[in-house]
């Protein structure tokens, strides 16, 4: 079984989890933010699946994985935050 690659929405740390943990919520080892491990590997994204962002409705370029208008990550199924402060 392959590992699921994901990014912590709290700190941006790149992480891996075994497939058998899919669907579980765990604490990020770097920042302790809760992370839900997706059911499938979010890095494997079928290019061209979406023409509009499901979060804000903005047009997406072919092969886009991230909506530049709102920060929604199509592979992770959630908006990404920033630590600008």
C-alpha atoms as a PDB file:
ATOM      1  CA  UNK A   1       0.000   0.000   0.000  1.00  0.00           C
ATOM      2  CA  UNK A   2       1.189   3.499  -0.818  1.00  0.00           C
ATOM      3  CA  UNK A   3       1.235   6.396   1.574  1.00  0.00           C
ATOM      4  CA  UNK A   4      -1.204   9.297   1.236  1.00  0.00           C
ATOM      5  CA  UNK A   5       0.625  12.601   0.829  1.00  0.00           C
ATOM      6  CA  UNK A   6      -1.012  15.689   2.322  1.00  0.00           C
ATOM      7  CA  UNK A   7      -0.282  19.186   3.574  1.00  0.00           C
ATOM      8  CA  UNK A   8      -1.205  20.464   7.023  1.00  0.00           C
ATOM      9  CA  UNK A   9      -3.711  23.310   6.652  1.00  0.00           C
ATOM     10  CA  UNK A  10      -2.363  24.830   9.874  1.00  0.00           C
ATOM     11  CA  UNK A  11       1.348  25.117   9.135  1.00  0.00           C
ATOM     12  CA  UNK A  12       1.856  23.908   5.561  1.00  0.00           C
ATOM     13  CA  UNK A  13       4.039  20.954   6.616  1.00  0.00           C
ATOM     14  CA  UNK A  14       4.185  18.195   3.975  1.00  0.00           C
ATOM     15  CA  UNK A  15       3.093  14.914   5.568  1.00  0.00           C
ATOM     16  CA  UNK A  16       2.495  11.277   4.682  1.00  0.00           C
ATOM     17  CA  UNK A  17       0.051   8.808   6.196  1.00  0.00           C
ATOM     18  CA  UNK A  18      -0.515   5.126   5.478  1.00  0.00           C
ATOM     19  CA  UNK A  19      -3.601   4.347   3.369  1.00  0.00           C
ATOM     20  CA  UNK A  20      -5.196   2.459   6.264  1.00  0.00           C
ATOM     21  CA  UNK A  21      -5.508   5.808   8.144  1.00  0.00           C
ATOM     22  CA  UNK A  22      -7.704   7.342   5.389  1.00  0.00           C
ATOM     23  CA  UNK A  23     -10.684   9.166   6.875  1.00  0.00           C
ATOM     24  CA  UNK A  24      -9.129   9.534  10.340  1.00  0.00           C
ATOM     25  CA  UNK A  25      -8.449  12.871  12.022  1.00  0.00           C
ATOM     26  CA  UNK A  26      -5.024  13.233  13.619  1.00  0.00           C
ATOM     27  CA  UNK A  27      -2.925  16.032  15.119  1.00  0.00           C
ATOM     28  CA  UNK A  28      -0.160  17.502  12.968  1.00  0.00           C
ATOM     29  CA  UNK A  29       3.187  16.468  14.466  1.00  0.00           C
ATOM     30  CA  UNK A  30       4.588  19.946  13.788  1.00  0.00           C
ATOM     31  CA  UNK A  31       1.821  22.313  14.975  1.00  0.00           C
ATOM     32  CA  UNK A  32      -0.795  19.974  16.505  1.00  0.00           C
ATOM     33  CA  UNK A  33      -3.571  21.309  14.226  1.00  0.00           C
ATOM     34  CA  UNK A  34      -6.244  18.696  13.490  1.00  0.00           C
ATOM     35  CA  UNK A  35      -5.837  17.119  10.056  1.00  0.00           C
ATOM     36  CA  UNK A  36      -8.358  14.848   8.380  1.00  0.00           C
ATOM     37  CA  UNK A  37      -6.553  12.302   6.257  1.00  0.00           C
ATOM     38  CA  UNK A  38      -8.367  12.190   2.909  1.00  0.00           C
ATOM     39  CA  UNK A  39      -9.906   8.994   1.595  1.00  0.00           C
ATOM     40  CA  UNK A  40      -7.634   9.135  -1.437  1.00  0.00           C
ATOM     41  CA  UNK A  41      -4.290  10.688  -2.218  1.00  0.00           C
ATOM     42  CA  UNK A  42      -4.930  14.407  -2.888  1.00  0.00           C
ATOM     43  CA  UNK A  43      -1.750  14.665  -4.947  1.00  0.00           C
ATOM     44  CA  UNK A  44      -3.351  12.395  -7.548  1.00  0.00           C
ATOM     45  CA  UNK A  45      -5.740  14.807  -9.229  1.00  0.00           C
ATOM     46  CA  UNK A  46      -7.375  14.253 -12.591  1.00  0.00           C
ATOM     47  CA  UNK A  47      -6.468  17.383 -14.547  1.00  0.00           C
ATOM     48  CA  UNK A  48      -9.379  19.115 -16.204  1.00  0.00           C
ATOM     49  CA  UNK A  49     -12.014  17.705 -13.819  1.00  0.00           C
ATOM     50  CA  UNK A  50     -13.282  21.144 -12.862  1.00  0.00           C
ATOM     51  CA  UNK A  51     -13.914  24.304 -14.841  1.00  0.00           C
ATOM     52  CA  UNK A  52     -15.213  26.333 -11.878  1.00  0.00           C
ATOM     53  CA  UNK A  53     -14.144  26.430  -8.234  1.00  0.00           C
ATOM     54  CA  UNK A  54     -16.637  24.506  -6.065  1.00  0.00           C
ATOM     55  CA  UNK A  55     -16.024  26.984  -3.222  1.00  0.00           C
ATOM     56  CA  UNK A  56     -16.402  30.391  -4.909  1.00  0.00           C
ATOM     57  CA  UNK A  57     -17.450  29.620  -8.512  1.00  0.00           C
ATOM     58  CA  UNK A  58     -14.472  31.377 -10.128  1.00  0.00           C
ATOM     59  CA  UNK A  59     -13.265  30.047 -13.467  1.00  0.00           C
ATOM     60  CA  UNK A  60     -10.325  27.639 -13.231  1.00  0.00           C
ATOM     61  CA  UNK A  61      -7.618  27.129 -15.818  1.00  0.00           C
ATOM     62  CA  UNK A  62      -7.223  23.646 -17.303  1.00  0.00           C
ATOM     63  CA  UNK A  63      -5.277  21.430 -14.911  1.00  0.00           C
ATOM     64  CA  UNK A  64      -5.667  23.821 -11.966  1.00  0.00           C
ATOM     65  CA  UNK A  65      -5.351  22.312  -8.504  1.00  0.00           C
ATOM     66  CA  UNK A  66      -5.711  25.563  -6.540  1.00  0.00           C
ATOM     67  CA  UNK A  67      -8.231  28.390  -6.995  1.00  0.00           C
ATOM     68  CA  UNK A  68      -6.241  31.623  -7.019  1.00  0.00           C
ATOM     69  CA  UNK A  69      -9.379  33.621  -6.162  1.00  0.00           C
ATOM     70  CA  UNK A  70     -10.177  31.966  -2.828  1.00  0.00           C
ATOM     71  CA  UNK A  71      -7.394  29.470  -2.026  1.00  0.00           C
ATOM     72  CA  UNK A  72      -9.533  26.326  -2.395  1.00  0.00           C
ATOM     73  CA  UNK A  73      -7.353  23.241  -3.041  1.00  0.00           C
ATOM     74  CA  UNK A  74      -9.254  20.872  -5.319  1.00  0.00           C
ATOM     75  CA  UNK A  75      -7.190  17.844  -4.318  1.00  0.00           C
ATOM     76  CA  UNK A  76      -7.560  18.414  -0.574  1.00  0.00           C
ATOM     77  CA  UNK A  77     -11.161  19.588  -0.804  1.00  0.00           C
ATOM     78  CA  UNK A  78     -10.587  22.579   1.487  1.00  0.00           C
ATOM     79  CA  UNK A  79      -9.366  26.174   1.521  1.00  0.00           C
ATOM     80  CA  UNK A  80      -5.736  26.683   2.412  1.00  0.00           C
ATOM     81  CA  UNK A  81      -4.861  29.339   4.948  1.00  0.00           C
ATOM     82  CA  UNK A  82      -1.863  31.587   5.246  1.00  0.00           C
ATOM     83  CA  UNK A  83       0.232  32.679   8.156  1.00  0.00           C
ATOM     84  CA  UNK A  84       0.612  36.288   7.077  1.00  0.00           C
ATOM     85  CA  UNK A  85       0.516  38.424  10.104  1.00  0.00           C
END
